[in-house]
Structures are given as structure tokens and as C-alpha cells.
Full PDB file with SEQRES, HELIX, SHEET, SSBOND, CRYST1, ORIGX, SCALE, CONECT and MASTER records, all heavy atoms in Angstrom:
SEQRES   1 A   32  ASN THR GLN GLN CYS CYS GLN SER ALA GLU GLU SER GLU          
SEQRES   2 A   32  LYS ILE LEU LEU SER TYR GLN MET LEU THR GLN VAL LEU          
SEQRES   3 A   32  LEU PRO GLU SER SER TYR                                      
HELIX    1 AA1 CYS A    6  LEU A   26  1                                  21    
CRYST1    1.000    1.000    1.000  90.00  90.00  90.00 P 1           1          
ORIGX1      1.000000  0.000000  0.000000        0.00000                         
ORIGX2      0.000000  1.000000  0.000000        0.00000                         
ORIGX3      0.000000  0.000000  1.000000        0.00000                         
SCALE1      1.000000  0.000000  0.000000        0.00000                         
SCALE2      0.000000  1.000000  0.000000        0.00000                         
SCALE3      0.000000  0.000000  1.000000        0.00000                         
ATOM      1  N   ASN A   1      -7.278  14.014  -9.398  1.00  0.00           N  
ATOM      2  CA  ASN A   1      -8.710  14.296  -9.419  1.00  0.00           C  
ATOM      3  C   ASN A   1      -9.447  13.762 -10.641  1.00  0.00           C  
ATOM      4  O   ASN A   1     -10.667  13.803 -10.702  1.00  0.00           O  
ATOM      5  CB  ASN A   1      -8.944  15.807  -9.334  1.00  0.00           C  
ATOM      6  CG  ASN A   1      -8.598  16.344  -7.964  1.00  0.00           C  
ATOM      7  OD1 ASN A   1      -8.474  15.593  -6.998  1.00  0.00           O  
ATOM      8  ND2 ASN A   1      -8.420  17.647  -7.872  1.00  0.00           N  
ATOM      9  N   THR A   2      -8.701  13.300 -11.642  1.00  0.00           N  
ATOM     10  CA  THR A   2      -9.344  12.831 -12.864  1.00  0.00           C  
ATOM     11  C   THR A   2      -8.793  11.485 -13.274  1.00  0.00           C  
ATOM     12  O   THR A   2      -7.772  11.029 -12.785  1.00  0.00           O  
ATOM     13  CB  THR A   2      -9.122  13.828 -14.017  1.00  0.00           C  
ATOM     14  OG1 THR A   2      -7.725  13.890 -14.304  1.00  0.00           O  
ATOM     15  CG2 THR A   2      -9.640  15.203 -13.677  1.00  0.00           C  
ATOM     16  N   GLN A   3      -9.462  10.871 -14.202  1.00  0.00           N  
ATOM     17  CA  GLN A   3      -9.044   9.575 -14.739  1.00  0.00           C  
ATOM     18  C   GLN A   3      -8.728   9.711 -16.229  1.00  0.00           C  
ATOM     19  O   GLN A   3      -9.197   8.926 -17.064  1.00  0.00           O  
ATOM     20  CB  GLN A   3     -10.164   8.532 -14.521  1.00  0.00           C  
ATOM     21  CG  GLN A   3     -10.480   8.253 -13.074  1.00  0.00           C  
ATOM     22  CD  GLN A   3      -9.288   7.654 -12.340  1.00  0.00           C  
ATOM     23  OE1 GLN A   3      -8.575   6.827 -12.887  1.00  0.00           O  
ATOM     24  NE2 GLN A   3      -9.096   8.083 -11.100  1.00  0.00           N  
ATOM     25  N   GLN A   4      -7.950  10.739 -16.569  1.00  0.00           N  
ATOM     26  CA  GLN A   4      -7.508  10.980 -17.948  1.00  0.00           C  
ATOM     27  C   GLN A   4      -8.687  11.096 -18.926  1.00  0.00           C  
ATOM     28  O   GLN A   4      -8.674  10.547 -20.025  1.00  0.00           O  
ATOM     29  CB  GLN A   4      -6.562   9.862 -18.414  1.00  0.00           C  
ATOM     30  CG  GLN A   4      -5.260   9.781 -17.647  1.00  0.00           C  
ATOM     31  CD  GLN A   4      -4.403  11.035 -17.830  1.00  0.00           C  
ATOM     32  OE1 GLN A   4      -4.623  11.783 -18.767  1.00  0.00           O  
ATOM     33  NE2 GLN A   4      -3.450  11.240 -16.963  1.00  0.00           N  
ATOM     34  N   CYS A   5      -9.721  11.787 -18.510  1.00  0.00           N  
ATOM     35  CA  CYS A   5     -10.836  12.055 -19.417  1.00  0.00           C  
ATOM     36  C   CYS A   5     -10.476  13.262 -20.281  1.00  0.00           C  
ATOM     37  O   CYS A   5      -9.395  13.822 -20.166  1.00  0.00           O  
ATOM     38  CB  CYS A   5     -12.116  12.320 -18.623  1.00  0.00           C  
ATOM     39  SG  CYS A   5     -11.998  13.753 -17.529  1.00  0.00           S  
ATOM     40  N   CYS A   6     -11.403  13.672 -21.128  1.00  0.00           N  
ATOM     41  CA  CYS A   6     -11.123  14.794 -22.021  1.00  0.00           C  
ATOM     42  C   CYS A   6     -10.811  16.065 -21.243  1.00  0.00           C  
ATOM     43  O   CYS A   6      -9.945  16.839 -21.613  1.00  0.00           O  
ATOM     44  CB  CYS A   6     -12.309  15.029 -22.954  1.00  0.00           C  
ATOM     45  SG  CYS A   6     -12.573  13.681 -24.134  1.00  0.00           S  
ATOM     46  N   GLN A   7     -11.513  16.251 -20.124  1.00  0.00           N  
ATOM     47  CA  GLN A   7     -11.280  17.435 -19.307  1.00  0.00           C  
ATOM     48  C   GLN A   7      -9.862  17.427 -18.756  1.00  0.00           C  
ATOM     49  O   GLN A   7      -9.185  18.442 -18.698  1.00  0.00           O  
ATOM     50  CB  GLN A   7     -12.289  17.501 -18.160  1.00  0.00           C  
ATOM     51  CG  GLN A   7     -12.133  18.753 -17.287  1.00  0.00           C  
ATOM     52  CD  GLN A   7     -13.122  18.781 -16.146  1.00  0.00           C  
ATOM     53  OE1 GLN A   7     -13.923  17.869 -15.974  1.00  0.00           O  
ATOM     54  NE2 GLN A   7     -13.070  19.829 -15.364  1.00  0.00           N  
ATOM     55  N   SER A   8      -9.386  16.257 -18.358  1.00  0.00           N  
ATOM     56  CA  SER A   8      -8.033  16.131 -17.844  1.00  0.00           C  
ATOM     57  C   SER A   8      -7.020  16.532 -18.900  1.00  0.00           C  
ATOM     58  O   SER A   8      -6.055  17.219 -18.626  1.00  0.00           O  
ATOM     59  CB  SER A   8      -7.772  14.693 -17.391  1.00  0.00           C  
ATOM     60  OG  SER A   8      -6.433  14.521 -17.013  1.00  0.00           O  
ATOM     61  N   ALA A   9      -7.217  16.080 -20.133  1.00  0.00           N  
ATOM     62  CA  ALA A   9      -6.310  16.428 -21.217  1.00  0.00           C  
ATOM     63  C   ALA A   9      -6.309  17.940 -21.438  1.00  0.00           C  
ATOM     64  O   ALA A   9      -5.251  18.545 -21.668  1.00  0.00           O  
ATOM     65  CB  ALA A   9      -6.712  15.699 -22.491  1.00  0.00           C  
ATOM     66  N   GLU A  10      -7.467  18.561 -21.355  1.00  0.00           N  
ATOM     67  CA  GLU A  10      -7.567  20.002 -21.562  1.00  0.00           C  
ATOM     68  C   GLU A  10      -6.824  20.765 -20.472  1.00  0.00           C  
ATOM     69  O   GLU A  10      -6.082  21.713 -20.752  1.00  0.00           O  
ATOM     70  CB  GLU A  10      -9.039  20.418 -21.576  1.00  0.00           C  
ATOM     71  CG  GLU A  10      -9.257  21.898 -21.843  1.00  0.00           C  
ATOM     72  CD  GLU A  10     -10.724  22.276 -21.858  1.00  0.00           C  
ATOM     73  OE1 GLU A  10     -11.565  21.406 -22.158  1.00  0.00           O  
ATOM     74  OE2 GLU A  10     -11.025  23.439 -21.555  1.00  0.00           O  
ATOM     75  N   GLU A  11      -7.002  20.353 -19.216  1.00  0.00           N  
ATOM     76  CA  GLU A  11      -6.333  21.023 -18.108  1.00  0.00           C  
ATOM     77  C   GLU A  11      -4.823  20.802 -18.175  1.00  0.00           C  
ATOM     78  O   GLU A  11      -4.036  21.709 -17.890  1.00  0.00           O  
ATOM     79  CB  GLU A  11      -6.888  20.530 -16.763  1.00  0.00           C  
ATOM     80  CG  GLU A  11      -8.330  20.926 -16.500  1.00  0.00           C  
ATOM     81  CD  GLU A  11      -8.530  22.433 -16.558  1.00  0.00           C  
ATOM     82  OE1 GLU A  11      -7.713  23.171 -15.967  1.00  0.00           O  
ATOM     83  OE2 GLU A  11      -9.486  22.879 -17.206  1.00  0.00           O  
ATOM     84  N   SER A  12      -4.415  19.596 -18.537  1.00  0.00           N  
ATOM     85  CA  SER A  12      -2.990  19.301 -18.659  1.00  0.00           C  
ATOM     86  C   SER A  12      -2.359  20.141 -19.753  1.00  0.00           C  
ATOM     87  O   SER A  12      -1.225  20.620 -19.620  1.00  0.00           O  
ATOM     88  CB  SER A  12      -2.778  17.809 -18.962  1.00  0.00           C  
ATOM     89  OG  SER A  12      -3.235  17.008 -17.896  1.00  0.00           O  
ATOM     90  N   GLU A  13      -3.102  20.351 -20.832  1.00  0.00           N  
ATOM     91  CA  GLU A  13      -2.585  21.163 -21.925  1.00  0.00           C  
ATOM     92  C   GLU A  13      -2.432  22.624 -21.494  1.00  0.00           C  
ATOM     93  O   GLU A  13      -1.489  23.307 -21.907  1.00  0.00           O  
ATOM     94  CB  GLU A  13      -3.496  21.060 -23.145  1.00  0.00           C  
ATOM     95  CG  GLU A  13      -2.873  21.615 -24.404  1.00  0.00           C  
ATOM     96  CD  GLU A  13      -3.688  21.329 -25.654  1.00  0.00           C  
ATOM     97  OE1 GLU A  13      -4.774  20.715 -25.537  1.00  0.00           O  
ATOM     98  OE2 GLU A  13      -3.233  21.734 -26.733  1.00  0.00           O  
ATOM     99  N   LYS A  14      -3.320  23.097 -20.646  1.00  0.00           N  
ATOM    100  CA  LYS A  14      -3.199  24.462 -20.125  1.00  0.00           C  
ATOM    101  C   LYS A  14      -1.916  24.611 -19.299  1.00  0.00           C  
ATOM    102  O   LYS A  14      -1.241  25.640 -19.358  1.00  0.00           O  
ATOM    103  CB  LYS A  14      -4.420  24.817 -19.261  1.00  0.00           C  
ATOM    104  CG  LYS A  14      -5.688  25.064 -20.047  1.00  0.00           C  
ATOM    105  CD  LYS A  14      -6.836  25.400 -19.109  1.00  0.00           C  
ATOM    106  CE  LYS A  14      -8.136  25.630 -19.880  1.00  0.00           C  
ATOM    107  NZ  LYS A  14      -9.276  25.925 -18.965  1.00  0.00           N  
ATOM    108  N   ILE A  15      -1.603  23.570 -18.533  1.00  0.00           N  
ATOM    109  CA  ILE A  15      -0.387  23.604 -17.722  1.00  0.00           C  
ATOM    110  C   ILE A  15       0.845  23.568 -18.624  1.00  0.00           C  
ATOM    111  O   ILE A  15       1.828  24.278 -18.386  1.00  0.00           O  
ATOM    112  CB  ILE A  15      -0.378  22.437 -16.716  1.00  0.00           C  
ATOM    113  CG1 ILE A  15      -1.526  22.621 -15.705  1.00  0.00           C  
ATOM    114  CG2 ILE A  15       0.961  22.349 -15.981  1.00  0.00           C  
ATOM    115  CD1 ILE A  15      -1.784  21.421 -14.822  1.00  0.00           C  
ATOM    116  N   LEU A  16       0.794  22.755 -19.682  1.00  0.00           N  
ATOM    117  CA  LEU A  16       1.895  22.734 -20.648  1.00  0.00           C  
ATOM    118  C   LEU A  16       2.082  24.107 -21.281  1.00  0.00           C  
ATOM    119  O   LEU A  16       3.218  24.567 -21.474  1.00  0.00           O  
ATOM    120  CB  LEU A  16       1.617  21.698 -21.743  1.00  0.00           C  
ATOM    121  CG  LEU A  16       1.873  20.237 -21.382  1.00  0.00           C  
ATOM    122  CD1 LEU A  16       1.347  19.322 -22.489  1.00  0.00           C  
ATOM    123  CD2 LEU A  16       3.351  19.978 -21.143  1.00  0.00           C  
ATOM    124  N   LEU A  17       0.978  24.760 -21.597  1.00  0.00           N  
ATOM    125  CA  LEU A  17       1.040  26.088 -22.199  1.00  0.00           C  
ATOM    126  C   LEU A  17       1.649  27.091 -21.223  1.00  0.00           C  
ATOM    127  O   LEU A  17       2.430  27.970 -21.612  1.00  0.00           O  
ATOM    128  CB  LEU A  17      -0.352  26.531 -22.635  1.00  0.00           C  
ATOM    129  CG  LEU A  17      -0.449  27.821 -23.447  1.00  0.00           C  
ATOM    130  CD1 LEU A  17       0.439  27.772 -24.682  1.00  0.00           C  
ATOM    131  CD2 LEU A  17      -1.896  28.080 -23.845  1.00  0.00           C  
ATOM    132  N   SER A  18       1.322  26.949 -19.942  1.00  0.00           N  
ATOM    133  CA  SER A  18       1.896  27.828 -18.924  1.00  0.00           C  
ATOM    134  C   SER A  18       3.408  27.643 -18.840  1.00  0.00           C  
ATOM    135  O   SER A  18       4.168  28.617 -18.762  1.00  0.00           O  
ATOM    136  CB  SER A  18       1.255  27.539 -17.561  1.00  0.00           C  
ATOM    137  OG  SER A  18      -0.130  27.826 -17.575  1.00  0.00           O  
ATOM    138  N   TYR A  19       3.846  26.389 -18.851  1.00  0.00           N  
ATOM    139  CA  TYR A  19       5.288  26.115 -18.856  1.00  0.00           C  
ATOM    140  C   TYR A  19       5.947  26.693 -20.110  1.00  0.00           C  
ATOM    141  O   TYR A  19       7.058  27.220 -20.062  1.00  0.00           O  
ATOM    142  CB  TYR A  19       5.551  24.613 -18.795  1.00  0.00           C  
ATOM    143  CG  TYR A  19       5.648  24.045 -17.394  1.00  0.00           C  
ATOM    144  CD1 TYR A  19       4.868  22.966 -16.995  1.00  0.00           C  
ATOM    145  CD2 TYR A  19       6.546  24.579 -16.470  1.00  0.00           C  
ATOM    146  CE1 TYR A  19       4.959  22.432 -15.716  1.00  0.00           C  
ATOM    147  CE2 TYR A  19       6.645  24.061 -15.191  1.00  0.00           C  
ATOM    148  CZ  TYR A  19       5.854  22.982 -14.812  1.00  0.00           C  
ATOM    149  OH  TYR A  19       5.950  22.464 -13.544  1.00  0.00           O  
ATOM    150  N   GLN A  20       5.265  26.575 -21.244  1.00  0.00           N  
ATOM    151  CA  GLN A  20       5.832  27.082 -22.491  1.00  0.00           C  
ATOM    152  C   GLN A  20       6.013  28.597 -22.423  1.00  0.00           C  
ATOM    153  O   GLN A  20       7.031  29.132 -22.874  1.00  0.00           O  
ATOM    154  CB  GLN A  20       4.946  26.709 -23.679  1.00  0.00           C  
ATOM    155  CG  GLN A  20       5.540  27.095 -25.023  1.00  0.00           C  
ATOM    156  CD  GLN A  20       4.691  26.648 -26.192  1.00  0.00           C  
ATOM    157  OE1 GLN A  20       3.496  26.429 -26.072  1.00  0.00           O  
ATOM    158  NE2 GLN A  20       5.311  26.506 -27.347  1.00  0.00           N  
ATOM    159  N   MET A  21       5.037  29.290 -21.845  1.00  0.00           N  
ATOM    160  CA  MET A  21       5.151  30.735 -21.696  1.00  0.00           C  
ATOM    161  C   MET A  21       6.345  31.085 -20.816  1.00  0.00           C  
ATOM    162  O   MET A  21       7.122  31.997 -21.131  1.00  0.00           O  
ATOM    163  CB  MET A  21       3.868  31.297 -21.078  1.00  0.00           C  
ATOM    164  CG  MET A  21       2.633  31.155 -21.940  1.00  0.00           C  
ATOM    165  SD  MET A  21       2.684  32.145 -23.445  1.00  0.00           S  
ATOM    166  CE  MET A  21       2.627  33.784 -22.757  1.00  0.00           C  
ATOM    167  N   LEU A  22       6.515  30.326 -19.724  1.00  0.00           N  
ATOM    168  CA  LEU A  22       7.629  30.605 -18.824  1.00  0.00           C  
ATOM    169  C   LEU A  22       8.966  30.344 -19.511  1.00  0.00           C  
ATOM    170  O   LEU A  22       9.915  31.119 -19.349  1.00  0.00           O  
ATOM    171  CB  LEU A  22       7.495  29.760 -17.551  1.00  0.00           C  
ATOM    172  CG  LEU A  22       8.572  29.954 -16.480  1.00  0.00           C  
ATOM    173  CD1 LEU A  22       8.685  31.418 -16.068  1.00  0.00           C  
ATOM    174  CD2 LEU A  22       8.279  29.085 -15.256  1.00  0.00           C  
ATOM    175  N   THR A  23       9.055  29.266 -20.280  1.00  0.00           N  
ATOM    176  CA  THR A  23      10.312  28.968 -20.972  1.00  0.00           C  
ATOM    177  C   THR A  23      10.633  30.028 -22.027  1.00  0.00           C  
ATOM    178  O   THR A  23      11.803  30.319 -22.273  1.00  0.00           O  
ATOM    179  CB  THR A  23      10.285  27.578 -21.636  1.00  0.00           C  
ATOM    180  OG1 THR A  23       9.151  27.471 -22.505  1.00  0.00           O  
ATOM    181  CG2 THR A  23      10.217  26.470 -20.592  1.00  0.00           C  
ATOM    182  N   GLN A  24       9.622  30.609 -22.634  1.00  0.00           N  
ATOM    183  CA  GLN A  24       9.856  31.692 -23.594  1.00  0.00           C  
ATOM    184  C   GLN A  24      10.496  32.896 -22.918  1.00  0.00           C  
ATOM    185  O   GLN A  24      11.319  33.597 -23.517  1.00  0.00           O  
ATOM    186  CB  GLN A  24       8.548  32.110 -24.263  1.00  0.00           C  
ATOM    187  CG  GLN A  24       8.069  31.152 -25.334  1.00  0.00           C  
ATOM    188  CD  GLN A  24       6.793  31.659 -26.003  1.00  0.00           C  
ATOM    189  OE1 GLN A  24       5.692  31.327 -25.591  1.00  0.00           O  
ATOM    190  NE2 GLN A  24       6.959  32.464 -27.031  1.00  0.00           N  
ATOM    191  N   VAL A  25      10.119  33.116 -21.670  1.00  0.00           N  
ATOM    192  CA  VAL A  25      10.718  34.212 -20.903  1.00  0.00           C  
ATOM    193  C   VAL A  25      12.160  33.869 -20.519  1.00  0.00           C  
ATOM    194  O   VAL A  25      13.051  34.727 -20.572  1.00  0.00           O  
ATOM    195  CB  VAL A  25       9.879  34.491 -19.629  1.00  0.00           C  
ATOM    196  CG1 VAL A  25      10.566  35.532 -18.746  1.00  0.00           C  
ATOM    197  CG2 VAL A  25       8.478  34.960 -20.000  1.00  0.00           C  
ATOM    198  N   LEU A  26      12.396  32.614 -20.156  1.00  0.00           N  
ATOM    199  CA  LEU A  26      13.705  32.205 -19.639  1.00  0.00           C  
ATOM    200  C   LEU A  26      14.744  31.973 -20.728  1.00  0.00           C  
ATOM    201  O   LEU A  26      15.941  32.150 -20.490  1.00  0.00           O  
ATOM    202  CB  LEU A  26      13.559  30.918 -18.813  1.00  0.00           C  
ATOM    203  CG  LEU A  26      12.677  30.988 -17.568  1.00  0.00           C  
ATOM    204  CD1 LEU A  26      12.614  29.622 -16.903  1.00  0.00           C  
ATOM    205  CD2 LEU A  26      13.214  32.022 -16.586  1.00  0.00           C  
ATOM    206  N   LEU A  27      14.318  31.564 -21.911  1.00  0.00           N  
ATOM    207  CA  LEU A  27      15.249  31.132 -22.951  1.00  0.00           C  
ATOM    208  C   LEU A  27      16.338  32.154 -23.289  1.00  0.00           C  
ATOM    209  O   LEU A  27      17.506  31.778 -23.433  1.00  0.00           O  
ATOM    210  CB  LEU A  27      14.462  30.751 -24.216  1.00  0.00           C  
ATOM    211  CG  LEU A  27      15.261  30.100 -25.352  1.00  0.00           C  
ATOM    212  CD1 LEU A  27      15.997  28.855 -24.874  1.00  0.00           C  
ATOM    213  CD2 LEU A  27      14.340  29.764 -26.523  1.00  0.00           C  
ATOM    214  N   PRO A  28      16.018  33.448 -23.413  1.00  0.00           N  
ATOM    215  CA  PRO A  28      17.084  34.403 -23.759  1.00  0.00           C  
ATOM    216  C   PRO A  28      18.056  34.686 -22.607  1.00  0.00           C  
ATOM    217  O   PRO A  28      19.098  35.319 -22.825  1.00  0.00           O  
ATOM    218  CB  PRO A  28      16.306  35.688 -24.120  1.00  0.00           C  
ATOM    219  CG  PRO A  28      14.879  35.257 -24.291  1.00  0.00           C  
ATOM    220  CD  PRO A  28      14.703  34.104 -23.378  1.00  0.00           C  
ATOM    221  N   GLU A  29      17.721  34.247 -21.394  1.00  0.00           N  
ATOM    222  CA  GLU A  29      18.532  34.566 -20.220  1.00  0.00           C  
ATOM    223  C   GLU A  29      19.404  33.361 -19.849  1.00  0.00           C  
ATOM    224  O   GLU A  29      18.950  32.413 -19.210  1.00  0.00           O  
ATOM    225  CB  GLU A  29      17.632  34.938 -19.032  1.00  0.00           C  
ATOM    226  CG  GLU A  29      16.671  36.078 -19.301  1.00  0.00           C  
ATOM    227  CD  GLU A  29      17.396  37.401 -19.459  1.00  0.00           C  
ATOM    228  OE1 GLU A  29      18.483  37.566 -18.877  1.00  0.00           O  
ATOM    229  OE2 GLU A  29      16.850  38.284 -20.162  1.00  0.00           O  
ATOM    230  N   SER A  30      20.678  33.395 -20.228  1.00  0.00           N  
ATOM    231  CA  SER A  30      21.566  32.249 -19.980  1.00  0.00           C  
ATOM    232  C   SER A  30      21.751  31.962 -18.492  1.00  0.00           C  
ATOM    233  O   SER A  30      22.001  30.822 -18.094  1.00  0.00           O  
ATOM    234  CB  SER A  30      22.930  32.490 -20.628  1.00  0.00           C  
ATOM    235  OG  SER A  30      23.530  33.672 -20.116  1.00  0.00           O  
ATOM    236  N   SER A  31      21.619  32.976 -17.647  1.00  0.00           N  
ATOM    237  CA  SER A  31      21.808  32.772 -16.207  1.00  0.00           C  
ATOM    238  C   SER A  31      20.700  31.921 -15.597  1.00  0.00           C  
ATOM    239  O   SER A  31      20.853  31.396 -14.489  1.00  0.00           O  
ATOM    240  CB  SER A  31      21.864  34.119 -15.484  1.00  0.00           C  
ATOM    241  OG  SER A  31      20.675  34.865 -15.694  1.00  0.00           O  
ATOM    242  N   TYR A  32      19.586  31.771 -16.319  1.00  0.00           N  
ATOM    243  CA  TYR A  32      18.466  30.962 -15.819  1.00  0.00           C  
ATOM    244  C   TYR A  32      18.346  29.628 -16.555  1.00  0.00           C  
ATOM    245  O   TYR A  32      17.290  28.999 -16.525  1.00  0.00           O  
ATOM    246  CB  TYR A  32      17.156  31.733 -15.970  1.00  0.00           C  
ATOM    247  CG  TYR A  32      17.016  32.914 -15.037  1.00  0.00           C  
ATOM    248  CD1 TYR A  32      16.719  34.183 -15.527  1.00  0.00           C  
ATOM    249  CD2 TYR A  32      17.177  32.762 -13.660  1.00  0.00           C  
ATOM    250  CE1 TYR A  32      16.593  35.273 -14.669  1.00  0.00           C  
ATOM    251  CE2 TYR A  32      17.047  33.844 -12.803  1.00  0.00           C  
ATOM    252  CZ  TYR A  32      16.757  35.099 -13.305  1.00  0.00           C  
ATOM    253  OH  TYR A  32      16.625  36.165 -12.455  1.00  0.00           O  
TER     254      TYR A  32                                                      
MASTER        0    0    0    1    0    0    0    6  253    1    0    3          
END                                                                             
């Protein structure tokens, strides 16, 4: 939907932050 404008970078960073939150939950759990 975007051509890598500033808005695209902002939305992509939000998704990276979401992944980071999930990895923080998963990191202590070796089974995951």
C-alpha cells in the first residue's frame, strides 16, 4: 500500500515493535 514513505517506515516500525514484544514473552520459554 505504500512506496516506502515516512508513514511506511513508521508503520513498519510498529510491526517490529510488536514482534519484539512477542519475543520478550517467548524468550524465557525454551519450549517455544
